[in-house]
């Protein structure tokens, strides 16, 4: 699975690079490049989670709860409910703190 993800990420980044080039026949001026780079980043995060040691810790269950709060915050943002910004910012801070604690706690 790693080889597939690495090849897919490489192809996405190559397509993003081609989209940035000033070639009128194949370039859209970078409109698609940002989307391609975002997809490559998501695939990279998936590869890190699959191969990492973070999923084997007790922090992972807290991280899953934080990810659920991000999804709830996105729904609040779409529906224009109050408190959506806090529901989007706080879980990301929690995830950063959890990963830092995990990083310094590794043997």
PDB file of N, CA and C in Angstrom:
ATOM      1  N   UNK A   1       0.824  -1.189   0.000  1.00  0.00           N
ATOM      2  CA  UNK A   1       0.000   0.000   0.000  1.00  0.00           C
ATOM      3  C   UNK A   1       0.871   1.258   0.000  1.00  0.00           C
ATOM      4  N   UNK A   2       2.042   1.185   0.644  1.00  0.00           N
ATOM      5  CA  UNK A   2       2.920   2.353   0.686  1.00  0.00           C
ATOM      6  C   UNK A   2       3.404   2.738  -0.703  1.00  0.00           C
ATOM      7  N   UNK A   3       3.746   1.730  -1.526  1.00  0.00           N
ATOM      8  CA  UNK A   3       4.217   2.039  -2.868  1.00  0.00           C
ATOM      9  C   UNK A   3       3.133   2.735  -3.679  1.00  0.00           C
ATOM     10  N   UNK A   4       1.898   2.259  -3.531  1.00  0.00           N
ATOM     11  CA  UNK A   4       0.782   2.887  -4.237  1.00  0.00           C
ATOM     12  C   UNK A   4       0.600   4.334  -3.798  1.00  0.00           C
ATOM     13  N   UNK A   5       0.636   4.580  -2.486  1.00  0.00           N
ATOM     14  CA  UNK A   5       0.453   5.941  -1.985  1.00  0.00           C
ATOM     15  C   UNK A   5       1.590   6.858  -2.412  1.00  0.00           C
ATOM     16  N   UNK A   6       2.816   6.352  -2.392  1.00  0.00           N
ATOM     17  CA  UNK A   6       3.957   7.171  -2.803  1.00  0.00           C
ATOM     18  C   UNK A   6       3.861   7.527  -4.279  1.00  0.00           C
ATOM     19  N   UNK A   7       3.498   6.547  -5.106  1.00  0.00           N
ATOM     20  CA  UNK A   7       3.353   6.812  -6.539  1.00  0.00           C
ATOM     21  C   UNK A   7       2.202   7.792  -6.784  1.00  0.00           C
ATOM     22  N   UNK A   8       1.079   7.600  -6.084  1.00  0.00           N
ATOM     23  CA  UNK A   8      -0.073   8.493  -6.259  1.00  0.00           C
ATOM     24  C   UNK A   8       0.266   9.916  -5.817  1.00  0.00           C
ATOM     25  N   UNK A   9       0.961  10.061  -4.700  1.00  0.00           N
ATOM     26  CA  UNK A   9       1.355  11.390  -4.230  1.00  0.00           C
ATOM     27  C   UNK A   9       2.309  12.039  -5.237  1.00  0.00           C
ATOM     28  N   UNK A  10       3.249  11.270  -5.740  1.00  0.00           N
ATOM     29  CA  UNK A  10       4.179  11.800  -6.732  1.00  0.00           C
ATOM     30  C   UNK A  10       3.474  12.261  -8.001  1.00  0.00           C
ATOM     31  N   UNK A  11       2.525  11.469  -8.475  1.00  0.00           N
ATOM     32  CA  UNK A  11       1.777  11.859  -9.672  1.00  0.00           C
ATOM     33  C   UNK A  11       0.931  13.106  -9.436  1.00  0.00           C
ATOM     34  N   UNK A  12       0.305  13.195  -8.270  1.00  0.00           N
ATOM     35  CA  UNK A  12      -0.490  14.378  -7.960  1.00  0.00           C
ATOM     36  C   UNK A  12       0.372  15.631  -7.904  1.00  0.00           C
ATOM     37  N   UNK A  13       1.542  15.516  -7.277  1.00  0.00           N
ATOM     38  CA  UNK A  13       2.434  16.669  -7.206  1.00  0.00           C
ATOM     39  C   UNK A  13       2.985  17.034  -8.578  1.00  0.00           C
ATOM     40  N   UNK A  14       3.251  16.041  -9.414  1.00  0.00           N
ATOM     41  CA  UNK A  14       3.712  16.312 -10.775  1.00  0.00           C
ATOM     42  C   UNK A  14       2.625  17.016 -11.583  1.00  0.00           C
ATOM     43  N   UNK A  15       1.384  16.562 -11.449  1.00  0.00           N
ATOM     44  CA  UNK A  15       0.285  17.217 -12.155  1.00  0.00           C
ATOM     45  C   UNK A  15       0.099  18.646 -11.655  1.00  0.00           C
ATOM     46  N   UNK A  16       0.300  18.876 -10.349  1.00  0.00           N
ATOM     47  CA  UNK A  16       0.198  20.235  -9.811  1.00  0.00           C
ATOM     48  C   UNK A  16       1.307  21.110 -10.375  1.00  0.00           C
ATOM     49  N   UNK A  17       2.507  20.553 -10.503  1.00  0.00           N
ATOM     50  CA  UNK A  17       3.618  21.311 -11.064  1.00  0.00           C
ATOM     51  C   UNK A  17       3.351  21.680 -12.515  1.00  0.00           C
ATOM     52  N   UNK A  18       2.805  20.737 -13.287  1.00  0.00           N
ATOM     53  CA  UNK A  18       2.494  21.009 -14.689  1.00  0.00           C
ATOM     54  C   UNK A  18       1.414  22.083 -14.782  1.00  0.00           C
ATOM     55  N   UNK A  19       0.481  22.097 -13.837  1.00  0.00           N
ATOM     56  CA  UNK A  19      -0.579  23.101 -13.868  1.00  0.00           C
ATOM     57  C   UNK A  19      -0.030  24.495 -13.577  1.00  0.00           C
ATOM     58  N   UNK A  20       1.044  24.588 -12.797  1.00  0.00           N
ATOM     59  CA  UNK A  20       1.651  25.883 -12.502  1.00  0.00           C
ATOM     60  C   UNK A  20       2.498  26.417 -13.663  1.00  0.00           C
ATOM     61  N   UNK A  21       2.972  25.535 -14.539  1.00  0.00           N
ATOM     62  CA  UNK A  21       3.833  25.980 -15.635  1.00  0.00           C
ATOM     63  C   UNK A  21       3.050  26.887 -16.591  1.00  0.00           C
ATOM     64  N   UNK A  22       3.709  27.882 -17.141  1.00  0.00           N
ATOM     65  CA  UNK A  22       3.001  28.803 -18.046  1.00  0.00           C
ATOM     66  C   UNK A  22       2.877  28.260 -19.461  1.00  0.00           C
ATOM     67  N   UNK A  23       2.272  27.112 -19.598  1.00  0.00           N
ATOM     68  CA  UNK A  23       2.048  26.524 -20.915  1.00  0.00           C
ATOM     69  C   UNK A  23       0.568  26.674 -21.258  1.00  0.00           C
ATOM     70  N   UNK A  24       0.231  27.429 -22.273  1.00  0.00           N
ATOM     71  CA  UNK A  24      -1.190  27.705 -22.540  1.00  0.00           C
ATOM     72  C   UNK A  24      -1.988  26.476 -22.961  1.00  0.00           C
ATOM     73  N   UNK A  25      -1.336  25.473 -23.515  1.00  0.00           N
ATOM     74  CA  UNK A  25      -2.078  24.309 -24.001  1.00  0.00           C
ATOM     75  C   UNK A  25      -2.543  23.405 -22.862  1.00  0.00           C
ATOM     76  N   UNK A  26      -1.769  23.296 -21.779  1.00  0.00           N
ATOM     77  CA  UNK A  26      -2.118  22.353 -20.718  1.00  0.00           C
ATOM     78  C   UNK A  26      -2.316  23.000 -19.358  1.00  0.00           C
ATOM     79  N   UNK A  27      -2.052  24.265 -19.227  1.00  0.00           N
ATOM     80  CA  UNK A  27      -2.115  24.923 -17.928  1.00  0.00           C
ATOM     81  C   UNK A  27      -3.438  25.652 -17.741  1.00  0.00           C
ATOM     82  N   UNK A  28      -3.929  25.615 -16.508  1.00  0.00           N
ATOM     83  CA  UNK A  28      -5.138  26.380 -16.186  1.00  0.00           C
ATOM     84  C   UNK A  28      -4.797  27.540 -15.261  1.00  0.00           C
ATOM     85  N   UNK A  29      -3.533  27.877 -15.163  1.00  0.00           N
ATOM     86  CA  UNK A  29      -3.120  28.992 -14.335  1.00  0.00           C
ATOM     87  C   UNK A  29      -3.054  28.666 -12.857  1.00  0.00           C
ATOM     88  N   UNK A  30      -2.973  27.410 -12.488  1.00  0.00           N
ATOM     89  CA  UNK A  30      -2.857  27.022 -11.092  1.00  0.00           C
ATOM     90  C   UNK A  30      -4.174  26.767 -10.399  1.00  0.00           C
ATOM     91  N   UNK A  31      -5.278  26.776 -11.137  1.00  0.00           N
ATOM     92  CA  UNK A  31      -6.591  26.585 -10.507  1.00  0.00           C
ATOM     93  C   UNK A  31      -6.735  25.181  -9.926  1.00  0.00           C
ATOM     94  N   UNK A  32      -6.240  24.191 -10.628  1.00  0.00           N
ATOM     95  CA  UNK A  32      -6.357  22.817 -10.156  1.00  0.00           C
ATOM     96  C   UNK A  32      -5.195  22.396  -9.268  1.00  0.00           C
ATOM     97  N   UNK A  33      -4.113  23.127  -9.314  1.00  0.00           N
ATOM     98  CA  UNK A  33      -2.911  22.743  -8.576  1.00  0.00           C
ATOM     99  C   UNK A  33      -3.149  22.727  -7.078  1.00  0.00           C
ATOM    100  N   UNK A  34      -3.905  23.678  -6.562  1.00  0.00           N
ATOM    101  CA  UNK A  34      -4.162  23.742  -5.126  1.00  0.00           C
ATOM    102  C   UNK A  34      -4.974  22.531  -4.677  1.00  0.00           C
ATOM    103  N   UNK A  35      -5.933  22.134  -5.483  1.00  0.00           N
ATOM    104  CA  UNK A  35      -6.744  20.947  -5.158  1.00  0.00           C
ATOM    105  C   UNK A  35      -5.877  19.695  -5.201  1.00  0.00           C
ATOM    106  N   UNK A  36      -5.019  19.586  -6.200  1.00  0.00           N
ATOM    107  CA  UNK A  36      -4.149  18.415  -6.312  1.00  0.00           C
ATOM    108  C   UNK A  36      -3.176  18.329  -5.143  1.00  0.00           C
ATOM    109  N   UNK A  37      -2.642  19.463  -4.722  1.00  0.00           N
ATOM    110  CA  UNK A  37      -1.722  19.468  -3.583  1.00  0.00           C
ATOM    111  C   UNK A  37      -2.455  19.082  -2.303  1.00  0.00           C
ATOM    112  N   UNK A  38      -3.692  19.548  -2.135  1.00  0.00           N
ATOM    113  CA  UNK A  38      -4.475  19.190  -0.946  1.00  0.00           C
ATOM    114  C   UNK A  38      -4.759  17.693  -0.903  1.00  0.00           C
ATOM    115  N   UNK A  39      -5.072  17.109  -2.042  1.00  0.00           N
ATOM    116  CA  UNK A  39      -5.308  15.662  -2.091  1.00  0.00           C
ATOM    117  C   UNK A  39      -4.026  14.905  -1.760  1.00  0.00           C
ATOM    118  N   UNK A  40      -2.888  15.386  -2.270  1.00  0.00           N
ATOM    119  CA  UNK A  40      -1.606  14.744  -1.963  1.00  0.00           C
ATOM    120  C   UNK A  40      -1.294  14.834  -0.472  1.00  0.00           C
ATOM    121  N   UNK A  41      -1.609  15.966   0.154  1.00  0.00           N
ATOM    122  CA  UNK A  41      -1.387  16.103   1.595  1.00  0.00           C
ATOM    123  C   UNK A  41      -2.248  15.126   2.386  1.00  0.00           C
ATOM    124  N   UNK A  42      -3.488  14.974   1.991  1.00  0.00           N
ATOM    125  CA  UNK A  42      -4.373  14.031   2.689  1.00  0.00           C
ATOM    126  C   UNK A  42      -3.848  12.605   2.544  1.00  0.00           C
ATOM    127  N   UNK A  43      -3.399  12.242   1.359  1.00  0.00           N
ATOM    128  CA  UNK A  43      -2.846  10.900   1.162  1.00  0.00           C
ATOM    129  C   UNK A  43      -1.575  10.713   1.997  1.00  0.00           C
ATOM    130  N   UNK A  44      -0.771  11.765   2.132  1.00  0.00           N
ATOM    131  CA  UNK A  44       0.415  11.691   2.984  1.00  0.00           C
ATOM    132  C   UNK A  44       0.047  11.493   4.446  1.00  0.00           C
ATOM    133  N   UNK A  45      -1.003  12.176   4.908  1.00  0.00           N
ATOM    134  CA  UNK A  45      -1.454  11.984   6.287  1.00  0.00           C
ATOM    135  C   UNK A  45      -1.965  10.567   6.515  1.00  0.00           C
ATOM    136  N   UNK A  46      -2.664  10.032   5.539  1.00  0.00           N
ATOM    137  CA  UNK A  46      -3.134   8.645   5.650  1.00  0.00           C
ATOM    138  C   UNK A  46      -1.951   7.704   5.755  1.00  0.00           C
ATOM    139  N   UNK A  47      -0.917   7.937   4.953  1.00  0.00           N
ATOM    140  CA  UNK A  47       0.259   7.076   4.996  1.00  0.00           C
ATOM    141  C   UNK A  47       0.968   7.188   6.345  1.00  0.00           C
ATOM    142  N   UNK A  48       1.014   8.402   6.915  1.00  0.00           N
ATOM    143  CA  UNK A  48       1.638   8.562   8.228  1.00  0.00           C
ATOM    144  C   UNK A  48       0.846   7.832   9.308  1.00  0.00           C
ATOM    145  N   UNK A  49      -0.475   7.900   9.251  1.00  0.00           N
ATOM    146  CA  UNK A  49      -1.286   7.225  10.261  1.00  0.00           C
ATOM    147  C   UNK A  49      -1.195   5.711  10.142  1.00  0.00           C
ATOM    148  N   UNK A  50      -1.164   5.207   8.913  1.00  0.00           N
ATOM    149  CA  UNK A  50      -1.101   3.756   8.720  1.00  0.00           C
ATOM    150  C   UNK A  50       0.233   3.195   9.204  1.00  0.00           C
ATOM    151  N   UNK A  51       1.319   3.922   8.966  1.00  0.00           N
ATOM    152  CA  UNK A  51       2.646   3.410   9.292  1.00  0.00           C
ATOM    153  C   UNK A  51       3.183   3.896  10.628  1.00  0.00           C
ATOM    154  N   UNK A  52       2.519   4.815  11.252  1.00  0.00           N
ATOM    155  CA  UNK A  52       3.037   5.412  12.472  1.00  0.00           C
ATOM    156  C   UNK A  52       2.745   4.593  13.713  1.00  0.00           C
ATOM    157  N   UNK A  53       3.306   5.058  14.817  1.00  0.00           N
ATOM    158  CA  UNK A  53       3.098   4.400  16.102  1.00  0.00           C
ATOM    159  C   UNK A  53       2.054   5.107  16.941  1.00  0.00           C
ATOM    160  N   UNK A  54       1.503   6.210  16.436  1.00  0.00           N
ATOM    161  CA  UNK A  54       0.530   6.992  17.193  1.00  0.00           C
ATOM    162  C   UNK A  54      -0.765   6.220  17.410  1.00  0.00           C
ATOM    163  N   UNK A  55      -1.125   5.340  16.476  1.00  0.00           N
ATOM    164  CA  UNK A  55      -2.385   4.602  16.586  1.00  0.00           C
ATOM    165  C   UNK A  55      -2.351   3.545  17.683  1.00  0.00           C
ATOM    166  N   UNK A  56      -1.184   3.216  18.178  1.00  0.00           N
ATOM    167  CA  UNK A  56      -1.068   2.188  19.204  1.00  0.00           C
ATOM    168  C   UNK A  56      -1.077   2.761  20.622  1.00  0.00           C
ATOM    169  N   UNK A  57      -1.324   4.051  20.763  1.00  0.00           N
ATOM    170  CA  UNK A  57      -1.247   4.677  22.075  1.00  0.00           C
ATOM    171  C   UNK A  57      -2.633   5.032  22.601  1.00  0.00           C
ATOM    172  N   UNK A  58      -2.663   5.427  23.864  1.00  0.00           N
ATOM    173  CA  UNK A  58      -3.928   5.836  24.472  1.00  0.00           C
ATOM    174  C   UNK A  58      -4.355   7.212  23.979  1.00  0.00           C
ATOM    175  N   UNK A  59      -3.410   7.969  23.432  1.00  0.00           N
ATOM    176  CA  UNK A  59      -3.729   9.297  22.906  1.00  0.00           C
ATOM    177  C   UNK A  59      -4.590   9.219  21.648  1.00  0.00           C
ATOM    178  N   UNK A  60      -4.546   8.094  20.974  1.00  0.00           N
ATOM    179  CA  UNK A  60      -5.281   7.945  19.716  1.00  0.00           C
ATOM    180  C   UNK A  60      -6.792   8.025  19.937  1.00  0.00           C
ATOM    181  N   UNK A  61      -7.283   7.505  21.040  1.00  0.00           N
ATOM    182  CA  UNK A  61      -8.721   7.587  21.305  1.00  0.00           C
ATOM    183  C   UNK A  61      -9.140   9.036  21.553  1.00  0.00           C
ATOM    184  N   UNK A  62      -8.296   9.798  22.218  1.00  0.00           N
ATOM    185  CA  UNK A  62      -8.583  11.218  22.418  1.00  0.00           C
ATOM    186  C   UNK A  62      -8.525  11.939  21.069  1.00  0.00           C
ATOM    187  N   UNK A  63      -7.583  11.551  20.228  1.00  0.00           N
ATOM    188  CA  UNK A  63      -7.453  12.165  18.909  1.00  0.00           C
ATOM    189  C   UNK A  63      -8.687  11.871  18.055  1.00  0.00           C
ATOM    190  N   UNK A  64      -9.243  10.676  18.161  1.00  0.00           N
ATOM    191  CA  UNK A  64     -10.459  10.367  17.416  1.00  0.00           C
ATOM    192  C   UNK A  64     -11.609  11.254  17.858  1.00  0.00           C
ATOM    193  N   UNK A  65     -11.696  11.538  19.144  1.00  0.00           N
ATOM    194  CA  UNK A  65     -12.717  12.455  19.640  1.00  0.00           C
ATOM    195  C   UNK A  65     -12.509  13.864  19.113  1.00  0.00           C
ATOM    196  N   UNK A  66     -11.252  14.299  19.036  1.00  0.00           N
ATOM    197  CA  UNK A  66     -10.951  15.624  18.498  1.00  0.00           C
ATOM    198  C   UNK A  66     -11.309  15.705  17.015  1.00  0.00           C
ATOM    199  N   UNK A  67     -11.060  14.640  16.288  1.00  0.00           N
ATOM    200  CA  UNK A  67     -11.417  14.614  14.866  1.00  0.00           C
ATOM    201  C   UNK A  67     -12.936  14.673  14.705  1.00  0.00           C
ATOM    202  N   UNK A  68     -13.659  14.010  15.590  1.00  0.00           N
ATOM    203  CA  UNK A  68     -15.124  14.089  15.551  1.00  0.00           C
ATOM    204  C   UNK A  68     -15.591  15.524  15.817  1.00  0.00           C
ATOM    205  N   UNK A  69     -14.901  16.230  16.715  1.00  0.00           N
ATOM    206  CA  UNK A  69     -15.252  17.630  16.970  1.00  0.00           C
ATOM    207  C   UNK A  69     -14.975  18.514  15.756  1.00  0.00           C
ATOM    208  N   UNK A  70     -13.930  18.199  15.002  1.00  0.00           N
ATOM    209  CA  UNK A  70     -13.650  18.948  13.778  1.00  0.00           C
ATOM    210  C   UNK A  70     -14.794  18.770  12.784  1.00  0.00           C
ATOM    211  N   UNK A  71     -15.260  17.532  12.641  1.00  0.00           N
ATOM    212  CA  UNK A  71     -16.376  17.280  11.725  1.00  0.00           C
ATOM    213  C   UNK A  71     -17.637  17.998  12.185  1.00  0.00           C
ATOM    214  N   UNK A  72     -17.876  18.004  13.490  1.00  0.00           N
ATOM    215  CA  UNK A  72     -19.032  18.723  14.031  1.00  0.00           C
ATOM    216  C   UNK A  72     -18.879  20.222  13.794  1.00  0.00           C
ATOM    217  N   UNK A  73     -17.670  20.748  13.969  1.00  0.00           N
ATOM    218  CA  UNK A  73     -17.413  22.163  13.708  1.00  0.00           C
ATOM    219  C   UNK A  73     -17.625  22.517  12.246  1.00  0.00           C
ATOM    220  N   UNK A  74     -17.241  21.614  11.344  1.00  0.00           N
ATOM    221  CA  UNK A  74     -17.469  21.863   9.916  1.00  0.00           C
ATOM    222  C   UNK A  74     -18.963  21.911   9.614  1.00  0.00           C
ATOM    223  N   UNK A  75     -19.720  21.025  10.237  1.00  0.00           N
ATOM    224  CA  UNK A  75     -21.170  21.048  10.043  1.00  0.00           C
ATOM    225  C   UNK A  75     -21.768  22.337  10.606  1.00  0.00           C
ATOM    226  N   UNK A  76     -21.291  22.762  11.771  1.00  0.00           N
ATOM    227  CA  UNK A  76     -21.758  24.023  12.353  1.00  0.00           C
ATOM    228  C   UNK A  76     -21.420  25.199  11.433  1.00  0.00           C
ATOM    229  N   UNK A  77     -20.228  25.167  10.829  1.00  0.00           N
ATOM    230  CA  UNK A  77     -19.804  26.252   9.951  1.00  0.00           C
ATOM    231  C   UNK A  77     -20.690  26.308   8.707  1.00  0.00           C
ATOM    232  N   UNK A  78     -21.009  25.155   8.158  1.00  0.00           N
ATOM    233  CA  UNK A  78     -21.868  25.106   6.974  1.00  0.00           C
ATOM    234  C   UNK A  78     -23.261  25.633   7.292  1.00  0.00           C
ATOM    235  N   UNK A  79     -23.769  25.289   8.467  1.00  0.00           N
ATOM    236  CA  UNK A  79     -25.113  25.711   8.861  1.00  0.00           C
ATOM    237  C   UNK A  79     -25.140  27.092   9.518  1.00  0.00           C
ATOM    238  N   UNK A  80     -23.975  27.735   9.643  1.00  0.00           N
ATOM    239  CA  UNK A  80     -23.851  29.076  10.221  1.00  0.00           C
ATOM    240  C   UNK A  80     -24.336  29.134  11.668  1.00  0.00           C
ATOM    241  N   UNK A  81     -24.055  28.088  12.437  1.00  0.00           N
ATOM    242  CA  UNK A  81     -24.406  28.095  13.855  1.00  0.00           C
ATOM    243  C   UNK A  81     -23.315  28.807  14.646  1.00  0.00           C
ATOM    244  N   UNK A  82     -23.672  29.389  15.774  1.00  0.00           N
ATOM    245  CA  UNK A  82     -22.635  30.026  16.599  1.00  0.00           C
ATOM    246  C   UNK A  82     -21.736  28.973  17.250  1.00  0.00           C
ATOM    247  N   UNK A  83     -20.497  29.331  17.459  1.00  0.00           N
ATOM    248  CA  UNK A  83     -19.545  28.420  18.081  1.00  0.00           C
ATOM    249  C   UNK A  83     -18.800  27.544  17.096  1.00  0.00           C
ATOM    250  N   UNK A  84     -19.026  27.765  15.805  1.00  0.00           N
ATOM    251  CA  UNK A  84     -18.376  26.927  14.799  1.00  0.00           C
ATOM    252  C   UNK A  84     -16.868  27.162  14.768  1.00  0.00           C
ATOM    253  N   UNK A  85     -16.459  28.409  14.924  1.00  0.00           N
ATOM    254  CA  UNK A  85     -15.026  28.705  14.890  1.00  0.00           C
ATOM    255  C   UNK A  85     -14.282  28.031  16.036  1.00  0.00           C
ATOM    256  N   UNK A  86     -14.886  28.041  17.212  1.00  0.00           N
ATOM    257  CA  UNK A  86     -14.256  27.393  18.364  1.00  0.00           C
ATOM    258  C   UNK A  86     -14.194  25.880  18.163  1.00  0.00           C
ATOM    259  N   UNK A  87     -15.246  25.317  17.565  1.00  0.00           N
ATOM    260  CA  UNK A  87     -15.237  23.876  17.318  1.00  0.00           C
ATOM    261  C   UNK A  87     -14.236  23.484  16.239  1.00  0.00           C
ATOM    262  N   UNK A  88     -13.777  24.423  15.477  1.00  0.00           N
ATOM    263  CA  UNK A  88     -12.747  24.114  14.478  1.00  0.00           C
ATOM    264  C   UNK A  88     -11.341  24.368  15.004  1.00  0.00           C
ATOM    265  N   UNK A  89     -11.168  25.348  15.864  1.00  0.00           N
ATOM    266  CA  UNK A  89      -9.831  25.698  16.343  1.00  0.00           C
ATOM    267  C   UNK A  89      -9.379  24.799  17.494  1.00  0.00           C
ATOM    268  N   UNK A  90     -10.233  24.572  18.463  1.00  0.00           N
ATOM    269  CA  UNK A  90      -9.848  23.822  19.663  1.00  0.00           C
ATOM    270  C   UNK A  90      -9.393  22.396  19.353  1.00  0.00           C
ATOM    271  N   UNK A  91     -10.114  21.617  18.528  1.00  0.00           N
ATOM    272  CA  UNK A  91      -9.634  20.247  18.257  1.00  0.00           C
ATOM    273  C   UNK A  91      -8.271  20.192  17.572  1.00  0.00           C
ATOM    274  N   UNK A  92      -7.989  21.156  16.701  1.00  0.00           N
ATOM    275  CA  UNK A  92      -6.666  21.151  16.064  1.00  0.00           C
ATOM    276  C   UNK A  92      -5.571  21.433  17.081  1.00  0.00           C
ATOM    277  N   UNK A  93      -5.850  22.306  18.024  1.00  0.00           N
ATOM    278  CA  UNK A  93      -4.880  22.554  19.095  1.00  0.00           C
ATOM    279  C   UNK A  93      -4.701  21.304  19.951  1.00  0.00           C
ATOM    280  N   UNK A  94      -5.796  20.612  20.227  1.00  0.00           N
ATOM    281  CA  UNK A  94      -5.726  19.366  21.000  1.00  0.00           C
ATOM    282  C   UNK A  94      -4.873  18.337  20.269  1.00  0.00           C
ATOM    283  N   UNK A  95      -5.079  18.210  18.962  1.00  0.00           N
ATOM    284  CA  UNK A  95      -4.298  17.239  18.188  1.00  0.00           C
ATOM    285  C   UNK A  95      -2.812  17.579  18.203  1.00  0.00           C
ATOM    286  N   UNK A  96      -2.484  18.859  18.091  1.00  0.00           N
ATOM    287  CA  UNK A  96      -1.072  19.259  18.141  1.00  0.00           C
ATOM    288  C   UNK A  96      -0.449  18.925  19.487  1.00  0.00           C
ATOM    289  N   UNK A  97      -1.165  19.237  20.552  1.00  0.00           N
ATOM    290  CA  UNK A  97      -0.649  18.959  21.900  1.00  0.00           C
ATOM    291  C   UNK A  97      -0.491  17.458  22.112  1.00  0.00           C
ATOM    292  N   UNK A  98      -1.480  16.666  21.672  1.00  0.00           N
ATOM    293  CA  UNK A  98      -1.396  15.208  21.835  1.00  0.00           C
ATOM    294  C   UNK A  98      -0.200  14.633  21.091  1.00  0.00           C
ATOM    295  N   UNK A  99       0.009  15.106  19.870  1.00  0.00           N
ATOM    296  CA  UNK A  99       1.120  14.560  19.114  1.00  0.00           C
ATOM    297  C   UNK A  99       2.457  14.983  19.711  1.00  0.00           C
ATOM    298  N   UNK A 100       2.555  16.200  20.235  1.00  0.00           N
ATOM    299  CA  UNK A 100       3.792  16.635  20.883  1.00  0.00           C
ATOM    300  C   UNK A 100       4.065  15.798  22.124  1.00  0.00           C
ATOM    301  N   UNK A 101       3.021  15.546  22.922  1.00  0.00           N
ATOM    302  CA  UNK A 101       3.181  14.693  24.120  1.00  0.00           C
ATOM    303  C   UNK A 101       3.631  13.294  23.708  1.00  0.00           C
ATOM    304  N   UNK A 102       3.006  12.772  22.664  1.00  0.00           N
ATOM    305  CA  UNK A 102       3.393  11.442  22.179  1.00  0.00           C
ATOM    306  C   UNK A 102       4.834  11.440  21.679  1.00  0.00           C
ATOM    307  N   UNK A 103       5.236  12.488  20.964  1.00  0.00           N
ATOM    308  CA  UNK A 103       6.583  12.566  20.396  1.00  0.00           C
ATOM    309  C   UNK A 103       7.637  12.578  21.501  1.00  0.00           C
ATOM    310  N   UNK A 104       7.426  13.389  22.544  1.00  0.00           N
ATOM    311  CA  UNK A 104       8.415  13.465  23.605  1.00  0.00           C
ATOM    312  C   UNK A 104       8.340  12.256  24.537  1.00  0.00           C
ATOM    313  N   UNK A 105       7.235  11.536  24.537  1.00  0.00           N
ATOM    314  CA  UNK A 105       7.102  10.360  25.389  1.00  0.00           C
ATOM    315  C   UNK A 105       7.616   9.079  24.762  1.00  0.00           C
ATOM    316  N   UNK A 106       7.964   9.124  23.456  1.00  0.00           N
ATOM    317  CA  UNK A 106       8.474   7.931  22.789  1.00  0.00           C
ATOM    318  C   UNK A 106       9.839   7.556  23.337  1.00  0.00           C
ATOM    319  N   UNK A 107      10.102   6.272  23.334  1.00  0.00           N
ATOM    320  CA  UNK A 107      11.397   5.768  23.799  1.00  0.00           C
ATOM    321  C   UNK A 107      12.397   5.814  22.668  1.00  0.00           C
TER     322      UNK A 107
END
